[in-house]
Amino acid sequence: MTDIFISSSIKDIEWVKRIQEHLEPLLRKKNLSLWSYDFLYPGVDIQETIKRAIEESQAIIVLISSNYLNSQLPEVELSQIVKTHKKDKNKIFPIIISSDPSSSVPNFIKEFQSIGSFSEPLSQLSEQEQEKALTKLTELIDNCVSAKSKKVYNFGVANIGNIVDNIFIQGDVKLGNKNDHK
């Protein structure tokens, strides 16, 4: 199950990584999962995987950039995001990371309060202002997503976290001697 979905151009992977770093403490604290393009692997049905991840999400982050707007993503992903939002009312967080006056921005995105603006996208802000904006994003998401209970599987001396769709999500290993577990 996906709790937070990041819609972005693969060319904006550095921004995705920055957002993932900011969200990591929240993901651990609330036992949440995150989906972005770097989780696709060979042999998977891309369209179905994306559709399912969007439908399962409590929060959707849309990274708006000239790379994103000049790709097929607005047509494909945003139509699914719109359908899901209308049905489930998941929260949508547009983040304007760069702008290109020649790119047309889908009207749907304009309906939501964004982080950054087309006149002042995040890429044009100082490093400190970017960090402040990403911290604000994390706080907003924290306020709108529900925590999930942790599933811990105990195998002797190791505690293993969630396994979802055969993918290991999170865990910690606690080592001790045999006598600790009698």
C-alpha atoms as a PDB file:
ATOM      1  CA  MET A   1       0.000   0.000   0.000  1.00  0.00           C
ATOM      2  CA  THR A   2       1.200   3.476  -0.870  1.00  0.00           C
ATOM      3  CA  ASP A   3       0.495   6.352   1.514  1.00  0.00           C
ATOM      4  CA  ILE A   4       2.370   9.161  -0.252  1.00  0.00           C
ATOM      5  CA  PHE A   5       2.735   9.307  -4.036  1.00  0.00           C
ATOM      6  CA  ILE A   6       5.220  11.556  -5.837  1.00  0.00           C
ATOM      7  CA  SER A   7       4.338  12.462  -9.413  1.00  0.00           C
ATOM      8  CA  SER A   8       7.394  13.832 -11.197  1.00  0.00           C
ATOM      9  CA  SER A   9       9.496  13.742 -14.295  1.00  0.00           C
ATOM     10  CA  ILE A  10      12.363  11.260 -14.092  1.00  0.00           C
ATOM     11  CA  LYS A  11      14.576  14.230 -15.012  1.00  0.00           C
ATOM     12  CA  ASP A  12      13.712  15.820 -11.658  1.00  0.00           C
ATOM     13  CA  ILE A  13      15.066  12.913  -9.598  1.00  0.00           C
ATOM     14  CA  GLU A  14      17.292  15.198  -7.498  1.00  0.00           C
ATOM     15  CA  TRP A  15      14.205  17.028  -6.237  1.00  0.00           C
ATOM     16  CA  VAL A  16      12.471  13.705  -5.567  1.00  0.00           C
ATOM     17  CA  LYS A  17      15.471  12.573  -3.504  1.00  0.00           C
ATOM     18  CA  ARG A  18      15.415  15.822  -1.502  1.00  0.00           C
ATOM     19  CA  ILE A  19      11.723  15.385  -0.749  1.00  0.00           C
ATOM     20  CA  GLN A  20      12.278  11.752   0.219  1.00  0.00           C
ATOM     21  CA  GLU A  21      14.992  12.848   2.667  1.00  0.00           C
ATOM     22  CA  HIS A  22      12.613  15.358   4.256  1.00  0.00           C
ATOM     23  CA  LEU A  23       9.807  12.808   4.494  1.00  0.00           C
ATOM     24  CA  GLU A  24      11.938   9.956   5.882  1.00  0.00           C
ATOM     25  CA  PRO A  25      11.441  10.811   9.597  1.00  0.00           C
ATOM     26  CA  LEU A  26       7.670  11.125   9.028  1.00  0.00           C
ATOM     27  CA  LEU A  27       7.564   7.819   7.153  1.00  0.00           C
ATOM     28  CA  ARG A  28       9.282   6.093  10.072  1.00  0.00           C
ATOM     29  CA  LYS A  29       7.241   7.865  12.756  1.00  0.00           C
ATOM     30  CA  LYS A  30       3.870   7.034  11.188  1.00  0.00           C
ATOM     31  CA  ASN A  31       4.923   3.767   9.508  1.00  0.00           C
ATOM     32  CA  LEU A  32       4.036   5.127   6.049  1.00  0.00           C
ATOM     33  CA  SER A  33       5.107   4.083   2.583  1.00  0.00           C
ATOM     34  CA  LEU A  34       6.149   6.314  -0.298  1.00  0.00           C
ATOM     35  CA  TRP A  35       6.039   5.751  -4.059  1.00  0.00           C
ATOM     36  CA  SER A  36       8.026   7.492  -6.787  1.00  0.00           C
ATOM     37  CA  TYR A  37       9.452   6.509 -10.164  1.00  0.00           C
ATOM     38  CA  ASP A  38      12.653   5.150  -8.678  1.00  0.00           C
ATOM     39  CA  PHE A  39      10.543   2.280  -7.246  1.00  0.00           C
ATOM     40  CA  LEU A  40       9.639   0.929 -10.696  1.00  0.00           C
ATOM     41  CA  TYR A  41      11.435  -2.251 -11.635  1.00  0.00           C
ATOM     42  CA  PRO A  42      11.680  -4.304 -14.836  1.00  0.00           C
ATOM     43  CA  GLY A  43       8.696  -6.462 -15.719  1.00  0.00           C
ATOM     44  CA  VAL A  44       6.107  -4.438 -13.806  1.00  0.00           C
ATOM     45  CA  ASP A  45       2.977  -3.105 -15.537  1.00  0.00           C
ATOM     46  CA  ILE A  46       3.818   0.596 -15.245  1.00  0.00           C
ATOM     47  CA  GLN A  47       0.310   1.964 -15.902  1.00  0.00           C
ATOM     48  CA  GLU A  48      -1.352  -0.418 -13.428  1.00  0.00           C
ATOM     49  CA  THR A  49       1.329   0.150 -10.768  1.00  0.00           C
ATOM     50  CA  ILE A  50       0.953   3.917 -11.008  1.00  0.00           C
ATOM     51  CA  LYS A  51      -2.855   3.714 -10.991  1.00  0.00           C
ATOM     52  CA  ARG A  52      -2.855   1.506  -7.883  1.00  0.00           C
ATOM     53  CA  ALA A  53      -0.309   3.688  -6.076  1.00  0.00           C
ATOM     54  CA  ILE A  54      -2.354   6.840  -6.775  1.00  0.00           C
ATOM     55  CA  GLU A  55      -5.603   5.195  -5.647  1.00  0.00           C
ATOM     56  CA  GLU A  56      -4.031   3.998  -2.381  1.00  0.00           C
ATOM     57  CA  SER A  57      -2.381   7.316  -1.520  1.00  0.00           C
ATOM     58  CA  GLN A  58      -3.494   9.616   1.262  1.00  0.00           C
ATOM     59  CA  ALA A  59      -1.291  12.411  -0.104  1.00  0.00           C
ATOM     60  CA  ILE A  60      -0.015  13.133  -3.605  1.00  0.00           C
ATOM     61  CA  ILE A  61       2.938  15.411  -4.305  1.00  0.00           C
ATOM     62  CA  VAL A  62       3.072  16.763  -7.869  1.00  0.00           C
ATOM     63  CA  LEU A  63       6.457  18.219  -8.834  1.00  0.00           C
ATOM     64  CA  ILE A  64       5.707  20.805 -11.489  1.00  0.00           C
ATOM     65  CA  SER A  65       8.646  21.659 -13.706  1.00  0.00           C
ATOM     66  CA  SER A  66       9.254  22.337 -17.372  1.00  0.00           C
ATOM     67  CA  ASN A  67      10.435  18.694 -17.574  1.00  0.00           C
ATOM     68  CA  TYR A  68       7.107  17.527 -16.150  1.00  0.00           C
ATOM     69  CA  LEU A  69       4.928  19.813 -18.249  1.00  0.00           C
ATOM     70  CA  ASN A  70       6.734  18.929 -21.476  1.00  0.00           C
ATOM     71  CA  SER A  71       6.247  15.189 -20.927  1.00  0.00           C
ATOM     72  CA  GLN A  72       3.216  12.911 -21.191  1.00  0.00           C
ATOM     73  CA  LEU A  73       2.850  12.789 -17.403  1.00  0.00           C
ATOM     74  CA  PRO A  74       0.236  15.531 -17.090  1.00  0.00           C
ATOM     75  CA  GLU A  75      -2.024  13.630 -19.486  1.00  0.00           C
ATOM     76  CA  VAL A  76      -1.489  10.202 -17.951  1.00  0.00           C
ATOM     77  CA  GLU A  77      -0.947  10.702 -14.231  1.00  0.00           C
ATOM     78  CA  LEU A  78      -2.947  13.860 -13.656  1.00  0.00           C
ATOM     79  CA  SER A  79      -6.069  12.340 -15.158  1.00  0.00           C
ATOM     80  CA  GLN A  80      -5.770   9.471 -12.663  1.00  0.00           C
ATOM     81  CA  ILE A  81      -4.980  11.894  -9.831  1.00  0.00           C
ATOM     82  CA  VAL A  82      -8.086  13.957 -10.713  1.00  0.00           C
ATOM     83  CA  LYS A  83     -10.320  10.849 -10.747  1.00  0.00           C
ATOM     84  CA  THR A  84      -8.977   9.638  -7.426  1.00  0.00           C
ATOM     85  CA  HIS A  85      -9.185  13.066  -5.799  1.00  0.00           C
ATOM     86  CA  LYS A  86     -12.821  13.495  -6.817  1.00  0.00           C
ATOM     87  CA  LYS A  87     -13.681  10.050  -5.443  1.00  0.00           C
ATOM     88  CA  ASP A  88     -11.498   9.775  -2.323  1.00  0.00           C
ATOM     89  CA  LYS A  89     -10.544  13.396  -1.594  1.00  0.00           C
ATOM     90  CA  ASN A  90      -6.882  12.576  -1.026  1.00  0.00           C
ATOM     91  CA  LYS A  91      -4.685  15.621  -0.439  1.00  0.00           C
ATOM     92  CA  ILE A  92      -2.744  17.052  -3.368  1.00  0.00           C
ATOM     93  CA  PHE A  93       0.406  19.143  -2.928  1.00  0.00           C
ATOM     94  CA  PRO A  94       1.686  20.812  -6.113  1.00  0.00           C
ATOM     95  CA  ILE A  95       5.282  21.974  -5.809  1.00  0.00           C
ATOM     96  CA  ILE A  96       6.496  24.414  -8.433  1.00  0.00           C
ATOM     97  CA  ILE A  97      10.205  23.662  -8.841  1.00  0.00           C
ATOM     98  CA  SER A  98      10.767  25.408 -12.171  1.00  0.00           C
ATOM     99  CA  SER A  99       8.654  27.193 -14.698  1.00  0.00           C
ATOM    100  CA  ASP A 100       8.566  27.563 -18.418  1.00  0.00           C
ATOM    101  CA  PRO A 101       6.210  30.212 -19.802  1.00  0.00           C
ATOM    102  CA  SER A 102       5.766  28.186 -22.986  1.00  0.00           C
ATOM    103  CA  SER A 103       4.467  25.145 -21.058  1.00  0.00           C
ATOM    104  CA  SER A 104       0.789  25.012 -20.371  1.00  0.00           C
ATOM    105  CA  VAL A 105      -0.162  24.197 -16.806  1.00  0.00           C
ATOM    106  CA  PRO A 106      -3.218  21.961 -16.443  1.00  0.00           C
ATOM    107  CA  ASN A 107      -6.134  23.878 -14.915  1.00  0.00           C
ATOM    108  CA  PHE A 108      -6.571  21.172 -12.302  1.00  0.00           C
ATOM    109  CA  ILE A 109      -3.231  22.059 -10.707  1.00  0.00           C
ATOM    110  CA  LYS A 110      -4.155  25.742 -10.533  1.00  0.00           C
ATOM    111  CA  GLU A 111      -7.051  24.853  -8.180  1.00  0.00           C
ATOM    112  CA  PHE A 112      -4.672  23.888  -5.378  1.00  0.00           C
ATOM    113  CA  GLN A 113      -2.479  26.024  -3.175  1.00  0.00           C
ATOM    114  CA  SER A 114       1.067  25.243  -4.250  1.00  0.00           C
ATOM    115  CA  ILE A 115       4.446  25.391  -2.636  1.00  0.00           C
ATOM    116  CA  GLY A 116       6.428  27.783  -4.793  1.00  0.00           C
ATOM    117  CA  SER A 117       4.881  29.737  -7.612  1.00  0.00           C
ATOM    118  CA  PHE A 118       5.354  30.133 -11.333  1.00  0.00           C
ATOM    119  CA  SER A 119       6.769  33.599 -10.754  1.00  0.00           C
ATOM    120  CA  GLU A 120       9.062  32.315  -7.990  1.00  0.00           C
ATOM    121  CA  PRO A 121       9.658  28.547  -8.310  1.00  0.00           C
ATOM    122  CA  LEU A 122      11.689  26.673  -5.704  1.00  0.00           C
ATOM    123  CA  SER A 123      14.697  26.352  -8.031  1.00  0.00           C
ATOM    124  CA  GLN A 124      15.070  30.155  -7.950  1.00  0.00           C
ATOM    125  CA  LEU A 125      15.035  30.347  -4.152  1.00  0.00           C
ATOM    126  CA  SER A 126      18.087  30.210  -1.908  1.00  0.00           C
ATOM    127  CA  GLU A 127      19.073  26.854  -0.424  1.00  0.00           C
ATOM    128  CA  GLN A 128      17.755  28.011   2.964  1.00  0.00           C
ATOM    129  CA  GLU A 129      14.382  29.043   1.489  1.00  0.00           C
ATOM    130  CA  GLN A 130      14.140  25.717  -0.385  1.00  0.00           C
ATOM    131  CA  GLU A 131      14.760  23.805   2.838  1.00  0.00           C
ATOM    132  CA  LYS A 132      12.129  25.891   4.616  1.00  0.00           C
ATOM    133  CA  ALA A 133       9.599  25.118   1.857  1.00  0.00           C
ATOM    134  CA  LEU A 134      10.354  21.366   1.982  1.00  0.00           C
ATOM    135  CA  THR A 135      10.058  21.389   5.773  1.00  0.00           C
ATOM    136  CA  LYS A 136       6.655  23.088   5.402  1.00  0.00           C
ATOM    137  CA  LEU A 137       5.612  20.380   2.911  1.00  0.00           C
ATOM    138  CA  THR A 138       6.531  17.685   5.447  1.00  0.00           C
ATOM    139  CA  GLU A 139       4.478  19.440   8.149  1.00  0.00           C
ATOM    140  CA  LEU A 140       1.454  19.734   5.847  1.00  0.00           C
ATOM    141  CA  ILE A 141       1.653  16.060   4.933  1.00  0.00           C
ATOM    142  CA  ASP A 142       2.105  15.098   8.582  1.00  0.00           C
ATOM    143  CA  ASN A 143      -1.162  16.893   9.373  1.00  0.00           C
ATOM    144  CA  CYS A 144      -3.163  15.096   6.679  1.00  0.00           C
ATOM    145  CA  VAL A 145      -1.973  11.473   6.731  1.00  0.00           C
ATOM    146  CA  SER A 146      -2.961   8.845   9.240  1.00  0.00           C
ATOM    147  CA  ALA A 147      -0.408   6.682  10.980  1.00  0.00           C
ATOM    148  CA  LYS A 148      -0.511   2.944  10.347  1.00  0.00           C
ATOM    149  CA  SER A 149       0.071   0.338  12.985  1.00  0.00           C
ATOM    150  CA  LYS A 150       3.405  -1.386  12.757  1.00  0.00           C
ATOM    151  CA  LYS A 151       3.558  -5.021  11.829  1.00  0.00           C
ATOM    152  CA  VAL A 152       6.576  -6.610  13.395  1.00  0.00           C
ATOM    153  CA  TYR A 153       7.494 -10.177  12.636  1.00  0.00           C
ATOM    154  CA  ASN A 154       9.621 -11.783  15.320  1.00  0.00           C
ATOM    155  CA  PHE A 155      12.060 -14.418  14.140  1.00  0.00           C
ATOM    156  CA  GLY A 156      14.091 -15.325  17.190  1.00  0.00           C
ATOM    157  CA  VAL A 157      16.375 -12.385  17.820  1.00  0.00           C
ATOM    158  CA  ALA A 158      15.505 -10.256  14.771  1.00  0.00           C
ATOM    159  CA  ASN A 159      12.501  -7.938  14.469  1.00  0.00           C
ATOM    160  CA  ILE A 160      11.609  -7.287  10.838  1.00  0.00           C
ATOM    161  CA  GLY A 161       9.304  -4.477   9.662  1.00  0.00           C
ATOM    162  CA  ASN A 162       6.663  -4.386   6.967  1.00  0.00           C
ATOM    163  CA  ILE A 163       6.803  -6.479   3.852  1.00  0.00           C
ATOM    164  CA  VAL A 164       4.433  -5.133   1.207  1.00  0.00           C
ATOM    165  CA  ASP A 165       4.045  -6.673  -2.252  1.00  0.00           C
ATOM    166  CA  ASN A 166       7.221  -8.669  -1.619  1.00  0.00           C
ATOM    167  CA  ILE A 167       9.147  -5.453  -1.050  1.00  0.00           C
ATOM    168  CA  PHE A 168      10.858  -4.884   2.280  1.00  0.00           C
ATOM    169  CA  ILE A 169       9.735  -1.471   3.471  1.00  0.00           C
ATOM    170  CA  GLN A 170      11.217  -0.772   6.862  1.00  0.00           C
ATOM    171  CA  GLY A 171      12.681  -2.609   9.773  1.00  0.00           C
ATOM    172  CA  ASP A 172      15.181  -2.706  12.520  1.00  0.00           C
ATOM    173  CA  VAL A 173      17.256  -5.581  13.718  1.00  0.00           C
ATOM    174  CA  LYS A 174      17.741  -6.072  17.407  1.00  0.00           C
ATOM    175  CA  LEU A 175      20.415  -8.552  18.231  1.00  0.00           C
ATOM    176  CA  GLY A 176      20.705 -10.282  21.545  1.00  0.00           C
ATOM    177  CA  ASN A 177      21.660 -13.642  22.893  1.00  0.00           C
ATOM    178  CA  LYS A 178      19.335 -16.659  22.996  1.00  0.00           C
ATOM    179  CA  ASN A 179      18.609 -16.227  26.685  1.00  0.00           C
ATOM    180  CA  ASP A 180      17.057 -12.793  26.078  1.00  0.00           C
ATOM    181  CA  HIS A 181      14.088 -14.379  24.291  1.00  0.00           C
ATOM    182  CA  LYS A 182      13.105 -17.240  26.601  1.00  0.00           C
END
